[in-house]
Amino acid sequence: MAVSATELKRLQRDVATLKKKVAQLERRKNGKPQPTARVSRSVASRANAMSERERVREILRRAGVTRAMTADENQVAARWHALSTEEKREVNETLRRVRIDPPLSQLIHEMRR
């Protein structure tokens, strides 16, 4: 997955913006904002236009880490959401009991050779 220099700079700016947002949230005390450095208007306007979740998704999409779901994936998701809570619990318990032999970490290590 190659990322162009321009895209890398854009991603670095987005990461810097998210770091500023995290720093602001960490400075809050008892729900009251504490004094912080000013954020540029362009960063502030973009931040207001999208929720934090949307911004993270956009950063990941531009980096090539995520993509839109296919029609088949949407159908599988719809079937999962249609299951009852009990059925979902049973599926999760079954998945927790699955043992991969050899372990996945060993398979990855062998594939990297």
PDB file of N, CA and C in Angstrom:
ATOM      1  N   MET A   1       0.854  -1.167   0.000  1.00  0.00           N
ATOM      2  CA  MET A   1       0.000   0.000   0.000  1.00  0.00           C
ATOM      3  C   MET A   1       0.900   1.229   0.000  1.00  0.00           C
ATOM      4  N   ALA A   2       1.044   1.851  -1.134  1.00  0.00           N
ATOM      5  CA  ALA A   2       1.876   3.044  -1.267  1.00  0.00           C
ATOM      6  C   ALA A   2       1.030   4.289  -1.063  1.00  0.00           C
ATOM      7  N   VAL A   3       1.597   5.246  -0.369  1.00  0.00           N
ATOM      8  CA  VAL A   3       0.923   6.518  -0.124  1.00  0.00           C
ATOM      9  C   VAL A   3       1.807   7.616  -0.699  1.00  0.00           C
ATOM     10  N   SER A   4       1.198   8.510  -1.477  1.00  0.00           N
ATOM     11  CA  SER A   4       1.980   9.588  -2.078  1.00  0.00           C
ATOM     12  C   SER A   4       2.450  10.558  -1.004  1.00  0.00           C
ATOM     13  N   ALA A   5       3.448  11.358  -1.362  1.00  0.00           N
ATOM     14  CA  ALA A   5       3.994  12.337  -0.418  1.00  0.00           C
ATOM     15  C   ALA A   5       2.921  13.344  -0.012  1.00  0.00           C
ATOM     16  N   THR A   6       2.098  13.741  -0.966  1.00  0.00           N
ATOM     17  CA  THR A   6       1.016  14.696  -0.673  1.00  0.00           C
ATOM     18  C   THR A   6       0.019  14.079   0.301  1.00  0.00           C
ATOM     19  N   GLU A   7      -0.341  12.826   0.040  1.00  0.00           N
ATOM     20  CA  GLU A   7      -1.287  12.134   0.906  1.00  0.00           C
ATOM     21  C   GLU A   7      -0.694  11.953   2.299  1.00  0.00           C
ATOM     22  N   LEU A   8       0.596  11.648   2.368  1.00  0.00           N
ATOM     23  CA  LEU A   8       1.258  11.480   3.651  1.00  0.00           C
ATOM     24  C   LEU A   8       1.229  12.773   4.450  1.00  0.00           C
ATOM     25  N   LYS A   9       1.504  13.903   3.794  1.00  0.00           N
ATOM     26  CA  LYS A   9       1.451  15.198   4.476  1.00  0.00           C
ATOM     27  C   LYS A   9       0.051  15.484   4.991  1.00  0.00           C
ATOM     28  N   ARG A  10      -0.966  15.167   4.175  1.00  0.00           N
ATOM     29  CA  ARG A  10      -2.357  15.386   4.583  1.00  0.00           C
ATOM     30  C   ARG A  10      -2.690  14.518   5.796  1.00  0.00           C
ATOM     31  N   LEU A  11      -2.243  13.274   5.773  1.00  0.00           N
ATOM     32  CA  LEU A  11      -2.485  12.384   6.903  1.00  0.00           C
ATOM     33  C   LEU A  11      -1.776  12.878   8.157  1.00  0.00           C
ATOM     34  N   GLN A  12      -0.548  13.387   7.981  1.00  0.00           N
ATOM     35  CA  GLN A  12       0.186  13.917   9.125  1.00  0.00           C
ATOM     36  C   GLN A  12      -0.529  15.126   9.721  1.00  0.00           C
ATOM     37  N   ARG A  13      -1.092  15.977   8.859  1.00  0.00           N
ATOM     38  CA  ARG A  13      -1.861  17.122   9.366  1.00  0.00           C
ATOM     39  C   ARG A  13      -3.095  16.639  10.131  1.00  0.00           C
ATOM     40  N   ASP A  14      -3.771  15.623   9.585  1.00  0.00           N
ATOM     41  CA  ASP A  14      -4.956  15.089  10.254  1.00  0.00           C
ATOM     42  C   ASP A  14      -4.600  14.478  11.606  1.00  0.00           C
ATOM     43  N   VAL A  15      -3.484  13.780  11.664  1.00  0.00           N
ATOM     44  CA  VAL A  15      -3.038  13.192  12.930  1.00  0.00           C
ATOM     45  C   VAL A  15      -2.721  14.305  13.923  1.00  0.00           C
ATOM     46  N   ALA A  16      -2.065  15.359  13.455  1.00  0.00           N
ATOM     47  CA  ALA A  16      -1.750  16.491  14.340  1.00  0.00           C
ATOM     48  C   ALA A  16      -3.030  17.110  14.883  1.00  0.00           C
ATOM     49  N   THR A  17      -4.036  17.225  14.025  1.00  0.00           N
ATOM     50  CA  THR A  17      -5.324  17.775  14.452  1.00  0.00           C
ATOM     51  C   THR A  17      -5.959  16.892  15.515  1.00  0.00           C
ATOM     52  N   LEU A  18      -5.927  15.583  15.287  1.00  0.00           N
ATOM     53  CA  LEU A  18      -6.497  14.666  16.273  1.00  0.00           C
ATOM     54  C   LEU A  18      -5.718  14.705  17.585  1.00  0.00           C
ATOM     55  N   LYS A  19      -4.398  14.843  17.501  1.00  0.00           N
ATOM     56  CA  LYS A  19      -3.599  14.952  18.719  1.00  0.00           C
ATOM     57  C   LYS A  19      -3.982  16.199  19.510  1.00  0.00           C
ATOM     58  N   LYS A  20      -4.224  17.308  18.799  1.00  0.00           N
ATOM     59  CA  LYS A  20      -4.645  18.537  19.478  1.00  0.00           C
ATOM     60  C   LYS A  20      -5.983  18.320  20.174  1.00  0.00           C
ATOM     61  N   LYS A  21      -6.896  17.630  19.485  1.00  0.00           N
ATOM     62  CA  LYS A  21      -8.218  17.371  20.056  1.00  0.00           C
ATOM     63  C   LYS A  21      -8.088  16.506  21.310  1.00  0.00           C
ATOM     64  N   VAL A  22      -7.243  15.479  21.255  1.00  0.00           N
ATOM     65  CA  VAL A  22      -7.028  14.618  22.416  1.00  0.00           C
ATOM     66  C   VAL A  22      -6.432  15.425  23.563  1.00  0.00           C
ATOM     67  N   ALA A  23      -5.469  16.286  23.255  1.00  0.00           N
ATOM     68  CA  ALA A  23      -4.854  17.111  24.290  1.00  0.00           C
ATOM     69  C   ALA A  23      -5.895  18.021  24.935  1.00  0.00           C
ATOM     70  N   GLN A  24      -6.786  18.587  24.122  1.00  0.00           N
ATOM     71  CA  GLN A  24      -7.842  19.441  24.659  1.00  0.00           C
ATOM     72  C   GLN A  24      -8.748  18.649  25.597  1.00  0.00           C
ATOM     73  N   LEU A  25      -9.114  17.443  25.176  1.00  0.00           N
ATOM     74  CA  LEU A  25      -9.993  16.621  26.006  1.00  0.00           C
ATOM     75  C   LEU A  25      -9.307  16.219  27.309  1.00  0.00           C
ATOM     76  N   GLU A  26      -8.005  15.948  27.234  1.00  0.00           N
ATOM     77  CA  GLU A  26      -7.274  15.573  28.438  1.00  0.00           C
ATOM     78  C   GLU A  26      -7.149  16.736  29.415  1.00  0.00           C
ATOM     79  N   ARG A  27      -7.169  17.966  28.911  1.00  0.00           N
ATOM     80  CA  ARG A  27      -7.039  19.135  29.782  1.00  0.00           C
ATOM     81  C   ARG A  27      -8.352  19.485  30.485  1.00  0.00           C
ATOM     82  N   ARG A  28      -9.425  18.890  30.044  1.00  0.00           N
ATOM     83  CA  ARG A  28     -10.701  19.192  30.704  1.00  0.00           C
ATOM     84  C   ARG A  28     -10.694  18.663  32.130  1.00  0.00           C
ATOM     85  N   LYS A  29     -11.270  19.453  32.999  1.00  0.00           N
ATOM     86  CA  LYS A  29     -11.311  19.025  34.395  1.00  0.00           C
ATOM     87  C   LYS A  29     -12.734  19.241  34.890  1.00  0.00           C
ATOM     88  N   ASN A  30     -13.335  18.165  35.397  1.00  0.00           N
ATOM     89  CA  ASN A  30     -14.707  18.226  35.906  1.00  0.00           C
ATOM     90  C   ASN A  30     -15.677  18.777  34.864  1.00  0.00           C
ATOM     91  N   GLY A  31     -15.459  18.440  33.614  1.00  0.00           N
ATOM     92  CA  GLY A  31     -16.366  18.873  32.551  1.00  0.00           C
ATOM     93  C   GLY A  31     -16.187  20.308  32.124  1.00  0.00           C
ATOM     94  N   LYS A  32     -15.222  21.016  32.713  1.00  0.00           N
ATOM     95  CA  LYS A  32     -14.997  22.418  32.366  1.00  0.00           C
ATOM     96  C   LYS A  32     -13.749  22.527  31.507  1.00  0.00           C
ATOM     97  N   PRO A  33     -13.845  23.183  30.353  1.00  0.00           N
ATOM     98  CA  PRO A  33     -12.644  23.317  29.522  1.00  0.00           C
ATOM     99  C   PRO A  33     -11.590  24.170  30.215  1.00  0.00           C
ATOM    100  N   GLN A  34     -10.348  23.758  30.071  1.00  0.00           N
ATOM    101  CA  GLN A  34      -9.227  24.497  30.615  1.00  0.00           C
ATOM    102  C   GLN A  34      -8.626  25.347  29.494  1.00  0.00           C
ATOM    103  N   PRO A  35      -7.854  26.360  29.817  1.00  0.00           N
ATOM    104  CA  PRO A  35      -7.242  27.181  28.769  1.00  0.00           C
ATOM    105  C   PRO A  35      -6.380  26.331  27.844  1.00  0.00           C
ATOM    106  N   THR A  36      -6.549  26.550  26.536  1.00  0.00           N
ATOM    107  CA  THR A  36      -5.794  25.788  25.545  1.00  0.00           C
ATOM    108  C   THR A  36      -5.266  26.728  24.484  1.00  0.00           C
ATOM    109  N   ALA A  37      -4.338  26.209  23.693  1.00  0.00           N
ATOM    110  CA  ALA A  37      -3.821  26.988  22.564  1.00  0.00           C
ATOM    111  C   ALA A  37      -4.925  27.123  21.522  1.00  0.00           C
ATOM    112  N   ARG A  38      -4.890  28.206  20.775  1.00  0.00           N
ATOM    113  CA  ARG A  38      -5.894  28.428  19.743  1.00  0.00           C
ATOM    114  C   ARG A  38      -5.640  27.500  18.564  1.00  0.00           C
ATOM    115  N   VAL A  39      -6.736  27.038  17.968  1.00  0.00           N
ATOM    116  CA  VAL A  39      -6.675  26.172  16.798  1.00  0.00           C
ATOM    117  C   VAL A  39      -7.023  27.023  15.587  1.00  0.00           C
ATOM    118  N   SER A  40      -6.331  26.810  14.475  1.00  0.00           N
ATOM    119  CA  SER A  40      -6.601  27.623  13.288  1.00  0.00           C
ATOM    120  C   SER A  40      -8.051  27.469  12.841  1.00  0.00           C
ATOM    121  N   ARG A  41      -8.577  28.468  12.137  1.00  0.00           N
ATOM    122  CA  ARG A  41      -9.975  28.440  11.712  1.00  0.00           C
ATOM    123  C   ARG A  41     -10.262  27.302  10.752  1.00  0.00           C
ATOM    124  N   SER A  42      -9.318  27.003   9.849  1.00  0.00           N
ATOM    125  CA  SER A  42      -9.571  25.919   8.902  1.00  0.00           C
ATOM    126  C   SER A  42      -9.697  24.585   9.621  1.00  0.00           C
ATOM    127  N   VAL A  43      -8.849  24.347  10.625  1.00  0.00           N
ATOM    128  CA  VAL A  43      -8.926  23.114  11.395  1.00  0.00           C
ATOM    129  C   VAL A  43     -10.224  23.093  12.192  1.00  0.00           C
ATOM    130  N   ALA A  44     -10.564  24.214  12.799  1.00  0.00           N
ATOM    131  CA  ALA A  44     -11.784  24.285  13.595  1.00  0.00           C
ATOM    132  C   ALA A  44     -13.021  24.082  12.723  1.00  0.00           C
ATOM    133  N   SER A  45     -13.057  24.665  11.528  1.00  0.00           N
ATOM    134  CA  SER A  45     -14.234  24.520  10.679  1.00  0.00           C
ATOM    135  C   SER A  45     -14.378  23.091  10.191  1.00  0.00           C
ATOM    136  N   ARG A  46     -13.240  22.423   9.858  1.00  0.00           N
ATOM    137  CA  ARG A  46     -13.321  21.017   9.459  1.00  0.00           C
ATOM    138  C   ARG A  46     -13.771  20.164  10.629  1.00  0.00           C
ATOM    139  N   ALA A  47     -13.285  20.462  11.819  1.00  0.00           N
ATOM    140  CA  ALA A  47     -13.646  19.685  12.996  1.00  0.00           C
ATOM    141  C   ALA A  47     -15.126  19.815  13.300  1.00  0.00           C
ATOM    142  N   ASN A  48     -15.671  21.003  13.096  1.00  0.00           N
ATOM    143  CA  ASN A  48     -17.089  21.203  13.360  1.00  0.00           C
ATOM    144  C   ASN A  48     -17.952  20.541  12.300  1.00  0.00           C
ATOM    145  N   ALA A  49     -17.445  20.416  11.076  1.00  0.00           N
ATOM    146  CA  ALA A  49     -18.227  19.859   9.984  1.00  0.00           C
ATOM    147  C   ALA A  49     -18.411  18.350  10.130  1.00  0.00           C
ATOM    148  N   MET A  50     -17.461  17.657  10.737  1.00  0.00           N
ATOM    149  CA  MET A  50     -17.537  16.208  10.872  1.00  0.00           C
ATOM    150  C   MET A  50     -17.391  15.808  12.334  1.00  0.00           C
ATOM    151  N   SER A  51     -18.056  14.723  12.688  1.00  0.00           N
ATOM    152  CA  SER A  51     -17.879  14.203  14.035  1.00  0.00           C
ATOM    153  C   SER A  51     -16.495  13.577  14.131  1.00  0.00           C
ATOM    154  N   GLU A  52     -16.057  13.317  15.339  1.00  0.00           N
ATOM    155  CA  GLU A  52     -14.740  12.717  15.538  1.00  0.00           C
ATOM    156  C   GLU A  52     -14.667  11.350  14.857  1.00  0.00           C
ATOM    157  N   ARG A  53     -15.735  10.581  14.969  1.00  0.00           N
ATOM    158  CA  ARG A  53     -15.774   9.260  14.337  1.00  0.00           C
ATOM    159  C   ARG A  53     -15.654   9.380  12.822  1.00  0.00           C
ATOM    160  N   GLU A  54     -16.349  10.352  12.238  1.00  0.00           N
ATOM    161  CA  GLU A  54     -16.269  10.556  10.795  1.00  0.00           C
ATOM    162  C   GLU A  54     -14.872  10.969  10.370  1.00  0.00           C
ATOM    163  N   ARG A  55     -14.216  11.808  11.165  1.00  0.00           N
ATOM    164  CA  ARG A  55     -12.854  12.241  10.840  1.00  0.00           C
ATOM    165  C   ARG A  55     -11.889  11.064  10.872  1.00  0.00           C
ATOM    166  N   VAL A  56     -12.021  10.215  11.881  1.00  0.00           N
ATOM    167  CA  VAL A  56     -11.147   9.047  11.976  1.00  0.00           C
ATOM    168  C   VAL A  56     -11.380   8.126  10.783  1.00  0.00           C
ATOM    169  N   ARG A  57     -12.641   7.907  10.440  1.00  0.00           N
ATOM    170  CA  ARG A  57     -12.941   7.054   9.282  1.00  0.00           C
ATOM    171  C   ARG A  57     -12.356   7.623   8.002  1.00  0.00           C
ATOM    172  N   GLU A  58     -12.428   8.932   7.839  1.00  0.00           N
ATOM    173  CA  GLU A  58     -11.878   9.580   6.646  1.00  0.00           C
ATOM    174  C   GLU A  58     -10.363   9.422   6.586  1.00  0.00           C
ATOM    175  N   ILE A  59      -9.698   9.589   7.722  1.00  0.00           N
ATOM    176  CA  ILE A  59      -8.244   9.421   7.766  1.00  0.00           C
ATOM    177  C   ILE A  59      -7.874   7.988   7.392  1.00  0.00           C
ATOM    178  N   LEU A  60      -8.571   7.024   7.960  1.00  0.00           N
ATOM    179  CA  LEU A  60      -8.286   5.623   7.658  1.00  0.00           C
ATOM    180  C   LEU A  60      -8.592   5.289   6.203  1.00  0.00           C
ATOM    181  N   ARG A  61      -9.665   5.855   5.655  1.00  0.00           N
ATOM    182  CA  ARG A  61     -10.023   5.602   4.261  1.00  0.00           C
ATOM    183  C   ARG A  61      -8.933   6.137   3.335  1.00  0.00           C
ATOM    184  N   ARG A  62      -8.481   7.369   3.604  1.00  0.00           N
ATOM    185  CA  ARG A  62      -7.439   7.966   2.762  1.00  0.00           C
ATOM    186  C   ARG A  62      -6.129   7.206   2.850  1.00  0.00           C
ATOM    187  N   ALA A  63      -5.876   6.581   3.988  1.00  0.00           N
ATOM    188  CA  ALA A  63      -4.647   5.801   4.157  1.00  0.00           C
ATOM    189  C   ALA A  63      -4.777   4.424   3.517  1.00  0.00           C
ATOM    190  N   GLY A  64      -5.971   4.088   3.045  1.00  0.00           N
ATOM    191  CA  GLY A  64      -6.174   2.789   2.416  1.00  0.00           C
ATOM    192  C   GLY A  64      -6.405   1.666   3.397  1.00  0.00           C
ATOM    193  N   VAL A  65      -6.677   2.008   4.659  1.00  0.00           N
ATOM    194  CA  VAL A  65      -6.875   0.997   5.684  1.00  0.00           C
ATOM    195  C   VAL A  65      -8.312   0.486   5.675  1.00  0.00           C
ATOM    196  N   THR A  66      -9.253   1.340   5.336  1.00  0.00           N
ATOM    197  CA  THR A  66     -10.658   0.941   5.296  1.00  0.00           C
ATOM    198  C   THR A  66     -11.233   1.223   3.916  1.00  0.00           C
ATOM    199  N   ARG A  67     -12.417   0.673   3.682  1.00  0.00           N
ATOM    200  CA  ARG A  67     -13.120   0.882   2.424  1.00  0.00           C
ATOM    201  C   ARG A  67     -14.609   0.729   2.686  1.00  0.00           C
ATOM    202  N   ALA A  68     -15.410   1.060   1.688  1.00  0.00           N
ATOM    203  CA  ALA A  68     -16.854   0.883   1.812  1.00  0.00           C
ATOM    204  C   ALA A  68     -17.170  -0.614   1.781  1.00  0.00           C
ATOM    205  N   MET A  69     -18.232  -0.998   2.475  1.00  0.00           N
ATOM    206  CA  MET A  69     -18.623  -2.402   2.491  1.00  0.00           C
ATOM    207  C   MET A  69     -19.220  -2.798   1.143  1.00  0.00           C
ATOM    208  N   THR A  70     -18.966  -4.051   0.750  1.00  0.00           N
ATOM    209  CA  THR A  70     -19.549  -4.576  -0.481  1.00  0.00           C
ATOM    210  C   THR A  70     -20.992  -4.971  -0.211  1.00  0.00           C
ATOM    211  N   ALA A  71     -21.724  -5.258  -1.282  1.00  0.00           N
ATOM    212  CA  ALA A  71     -23.126  -5.681  -1.141  1.00  0.00           C
ATOM    213  C   ALA A  71     -23.209  -6.969  -0.320  1.00  0.00           C
ATOM    214  N   ASP A  72     -22.285  -7.905  -0.576  1.00  0.00           N
ATOM    215  CA  ASP A  72     -22.270  -9.162   0.183  1.00  0.00           C
ATOM    216  C   ASP A  72     -22.018  -8.908   1.669  1.00  0.00           C
ATOM    217  N   GLU A  73     -21.079  -8.021   1.972  1.00  0.00           N
ATOM    218  CA  GLU A  73     -20.780  -7.703   3.374  1.00  0.00           C
ATOM    219  C   GLU A  73     -21.979  -7.040   4.051  1.00  0.00           C
ATOM    220  N   ASN A  74     -22.693  -6.196   3.314  1.00  0.00           N
ATOM    221  CA  ASN A  74     -23.901  -5.575   3.871  1.00  0.00           C
ATOM    222  C   ASN A  74     -24.966  -6.619   4.172  1.00  0.00           C
ATOM    223  N   GLN A  75     -25.081  -7.636   3.328  1.00  0.00           N
ATOM    224  CA  GLN A  75     -26.056  -8.700   3.571  1.00  0.00           C
ATOM    225  C   GLN A  75     -25.691  -9.502   4.820  1.00  0.00           C
ATOM    226  N   VAL A  76     -24.409  -9.817   4.959  1.00  0.00           N
ATOM    227  CA  VAL A  76     -23.949 -10.549   6.148  1.00  0.00           C
ATOM    228  C   VAL A  76     -24.208  -9.716   7.401  1.00  0.00           C
ATOM    229  N   ALA A  77     -23.915  -8.424   7.335  1.00  0.00           N
ATOM    230  CA  ALA A  77     -24.146  -7.542   8.481  1.00  0.00           C
ATOM    231  C   ALA A  77     -25.634  -7.492   8.834  1.00  0.00           C
ATOM    232  N   ALA A  78     -26.481  -7.423   7.821  1.00  0.00           N
ATOM    233  CA  ALA A  78     -27.926  -7.384   8.065  1.00  0.00           C
ATOM    234  C   ALA A  78     -28.386  -8.675   8.747  1.00  0.00           C
ATOM    235  N   ARG A  79     -27.849  -9.812   8.301  1.00  0.00           N
ATOM    236  CA  ARG A  79     -28.221 -11.096   8.939  1.00  0.00           C
ATOM    237  C   ARG A  79     -27.761 -11.112  10.397  1.00  0.00           C
ATOM    238  N   TRP A  80     -26.549 -10.585  10.663  1.00  0.00           N
ATOM    239  CA  TRP A  80     -26.059 -10.545  12.040  1.00  0.00           C
ATOM    240  C   TRP A  80     -26.958  -9.669  12.907  1.00  0.00           C
ATOM    241  N   HIS A  81     -27.310  -8.488  12.405  1.00  0.00           N
ATOM    242  CA  HIS A  81     -28.147  -7.573  13.186  1.00  0.00           C
ATOM    243  C   HIS A  81     -29.542  -8.148  13.425  1.00  0.00           C
ATOM    244  N   ALA A  82     -29.989  -9.041  12.549  1.00  0.00           N
ATOM    245  CA  ALA A  82     -31.315  -9.645  12.698  1.00  0.00           C
ATOM    246  C   ALA A  82     -31.333 -10.738  13.760  1.00  0.00           C
ATOM    247  N   LEU A  83     -30.171 -11.254  14.156  1.00  0.00           N
ATOM    248  CA  LEU A  83     -30.118 -12.303  15.174  1.00  0.00           C
ATOM    249  C   LEU A  83     -30.536 -11.755  16.534  1.00  0.00           C
ATOM    250  N   SER A  84     -31.084 -12.655  17.351  1.00  0.00           N
ATOM    251  CA  SER A  84     -31.429 -12.260  18.721  1.00  0.00           C
ATOM    252  C   SER A  84     -30.157 -12.144  19.546  1.00  0.00           C
ATOM    253  N   THR A  85     -30.267 -11.515  20.693  1.00  0.00           N
ATOM    254  CA  THR A  85     -29.119 -11.359  21.592  1.00  0.00           C
ATOM    255  C   THR A  85     -28.575 -12.722  21.995  1.00  0.00           C
ATOM    256  N   GLU A  86     -29.453 -13.671  22.247  1.00  0.00           N
ATOM    257  CA  GLU A  86     -29.035 -15.017  22.644  1.00  0.00           C
ATOM    258  C   GLU A  86     -28.261 -15.705  21.521  1.00  0.00           C
ATOM    259  N   GLU A  87     -28.737 -15.574  20.283  1.00  0.00           N
ATOM    260  CA  GLU A  87     -28.037 -16.181  19.144  1.00  0.00           C
ATOM    261  C   GLU A  87     -26.657 -15.555  18.949  1.00  0.00           C
ATOM    262  N   LYS A  88     -26.573 -14.246  19.111  1.00  0.00           N
ATOM    263  CA  LYS A  88     -25.275 -13.569  18.990  1.00  0.00           C
ATOM    264  C   LYS A  88     -24.320 -14.043  20.076  1.00  0.00           C
ATOM    265  N   ARG A  89     -24.821 -14.220  21.293  1.00  0.00           N
ATOM    266  CA  ARG A  89     -23.995 -14.695  22.402  1.00  0.00           C
ATOM    267  C   ARG A  89     -23.464 -16.092  22.097  1.00  0.00           C
ATOM    268  N   GLU A  90     -24.325 -16.975  21.573  1.00  0.00           N
ATOM    269  CA  GLU A  90     -23.898 -18.337  21.235  1.00  0.00           C
ATOM    270  C   GLU A  90     -22.810 -18.328  20.162  1.00  0.00           C
ATOM    271  N   VAL A  91     -22.967 -17.485  19.148  1.00  0.00           N
ATOM    272  CA  VAL A  91     -21.957 -17.387  18.089  1.00  0.00           C
ATOM    273  C   VAL A  91     -20.635 -16.906  18.681  1.00  0.00           C
ATOM    274  N   ASN A  92     -20.685 -15.881  19.514  1.00  0.00           N
ATOM    275  CA  ASN A  92     -19.461 -15.355  20.124  1.00  0.00           C
ATOM    276  C   ASN A  92     -18.777 -16.396  21.003  1.00  0.00           C
ATOM    277  N   GLU A  93     -19.561 -17.155  21.761  1.00  0.00           N
ATOM    278  CA  GLU A  93     -18.969 -18.202  22.610  1.00  0.00           C
ATOM    279  C   GLU A  93     -18.319 -19.283  21.761  1.00  0.00           C
ATOM    280  N   THR A  94     -18.956 -19.653  20.663  1.00  0.00           N
ATOM    281  CA  THR A  94     -18.379 -20.653  19.761  1.00  0.00           C
ATOM    282  C   THR A  94     -17.066 -20.153  19.180  1.00  0.00           C
ATOM    283  N   LEU A  95     -17.032 -18.894  18.768  1.00  0.00           N
ATOM    284  CA  LEU A  95     -15.807 -18.325  18.206  1.00  0.00           C
ATOM    285  C   LEU A  95     -14.692 -18.262  19.233  1.00  0.00           C
ATOM    286  N   ARG A  96     -15.020 -17.998  20.505  1.00  0.00           N
ATOM    287  CA  ARG A  96     -14.001 -17.941  21.554  1.00  0.00           C
ATOM    288  C   ARG A  96     -13.364 -19.301  21.801  1.00  0.00           C
ATOM    289  N   ARG A  97     -14.122 -20.383  21.525  1.00  0.00           N
ATOM    290  CA  ARG A  97     -13.610 -21.733  21.755  1.00  0.00           C
ATOM    291  C   ARG A  97     -12.771 -22.258  20.587  1.00  0.00           C
ATOM    292  N   VAL A  98     -12.760 -21.553  19.470  1.00  0.00           N
ATOM    293  CA  VAL A  98     -12.005 -22.008  18.301  1.00  0.00           C
ATOM    294  C   VAL A  98     -10.512 -21.928  18.598  1.00  0.00           C
ATOM    295  N   ARG A  99      -9.805 -22.992  18.288  1.00  0.00           N
ATOM    296  CA  ARG A  99      -8.356 -23.030  18.478  1.00  0.00           C
ATOM    297  C   ARG A  99      -7.714 -23.244  17.113  1.00  0.00           C
ATOM    298  N   ILE A 100      -6.785 -22.388  16.779  1.00  0.00           N
ATOM    299  CA  ILE A 100      -6.080 -22.487  15.508  1.00  0.00           C
ATOM    300  C   ILE A 100      -4.773 -23.209  15.762  1.00  0.00           C
ATOM    301  N   ASP A 101      -4.516 -24.277  14.985  1.00  0.00           N
ATOM    302  CA  ASP A 101      -3.294 -25.042  15.159  1.00  0.00           C
ATOM    303  C   ASP A 101      -2.624 -25.203  13.812  1.00  0.00           C
ATOM    304  N   PRO A 102      -1.485 -24.635  13.567  1.00  0.00           N
ATOM    305  CA  PRO A 102      -0.641 -23.886  14.484  1.00  0.00           C
ATOM    306  C   PRO A 102      -1.237 -22.503  14.780  1.00  0.00           C
ATOM    307  N   PRO A 103      -0.772 -21.850  15.846  1.00  0.00           N
ATOM    308  CA  PRO A 103      -1.306 -20.531  16.212  1.00  0.00           C
ATOM    309  C   PRO A 103      -1.108 -19.524  15.069  1.00  0.00           C
ATOM    310  N   LEU A 104      -2.011 -18.578  15.009  1.00  0.00           N
ATOM    311  CA  LEU A 104      -1.967 -17.569  13.955  1.00  0.00           C
ATOM    312  C   LEU A 104      -0.635 -16.820  13.948  1.00  0.00           C
ATOM    313  N   SER A 105      -0.096 -16.523  15.112  1.00  0.00           N
ATOM    314  CA  SER A 105       1.188 -15.811  15.170  1.00  0.00           C
ATOM    315  C   SER A 105       2.293 -16.626  14.497  1.00  0.00           C
ATOM    316  N   GLN A 106       2.258 -17.929  14.641  1.00  0.00           N
ATOM    317  CA  GLN A 106       3.258 -18.784  14.000  1.00  0.00           C
ATOM    318  C   GLN A 106       3.068 -18.777  12.483  1.00  0.00           C
ATOM    319  N   LEU A 107       1.827 -18.826  12.022  1.00  0.00           N
ATOM    320  CA  LEU A 107       1.559 -18.772  10.587  1.00  0.00           C
ATOM    321  C   LEU A 107       2.070 -17.475   9.974  1.00  0.00           C
ATOM    322  N   ILE A 108       1.826 -16.366  10.651  1.00  0.00           N
ATOM    323  CA  ILE A 108       2.284 -15.064  10.159  1.00  0.00           C
ATOM    324  C   ILE A 108       3.804 -15.037  10.111  1.00  0.00           C
ATOM    325  N   HIS A 109       4.433 -15.540  11.155  1.00  0.00           N
ATOM    326  CA  HIS A 109       5.898 -15.569  11.201  1.00  0.00           C
ATOM    327  C   HIS A 109       6.446 -16.390  10.037  1.00  0.00           C
ATOM    328  N   GLU A 110       5.861 -17.527   9.746  1.00  0.00           N
ATOM    329  CA  GLU A 110       6.324 -18.377   8.652  1.00  0.00           C
ATOM    330  C   GLU A 110       6.080 -17.724   7.290  1.00  0.00           C
ATOM    331  N   MET A 111       4.986 -16.996   7.162  1.00  0.00           N
ATOM    332  CA  MET A 111       4.676 -16.351   5.884  1.00  0.00           C
ATOM    333  C   MET A 111       5.630 -15.197   5.599  1.00  0.00           C
ATOM    334  N   ARG A 112       6.214 -14.607   6.607  1.00  0.00           N
ATOM    335  CA  ARG A 112       7.132 -13.469   6.433  1.00  0.00           C
ATOM    336  C   ARG A 112       8.534 -13.905   6.011  1.00  0.00           C
ATOM    337  N   ARG A 113       8.812 -15.180   6.091  1.00  0.00           N
ATOM    338  CA  ARG A 113      10.140 -15.685   5.731  1.00  0.00           C
ATOM    339  C   ARG A 113      10.335 -15.655   4.246  1.00  0.00           C
TER     340      ARG A 113
END
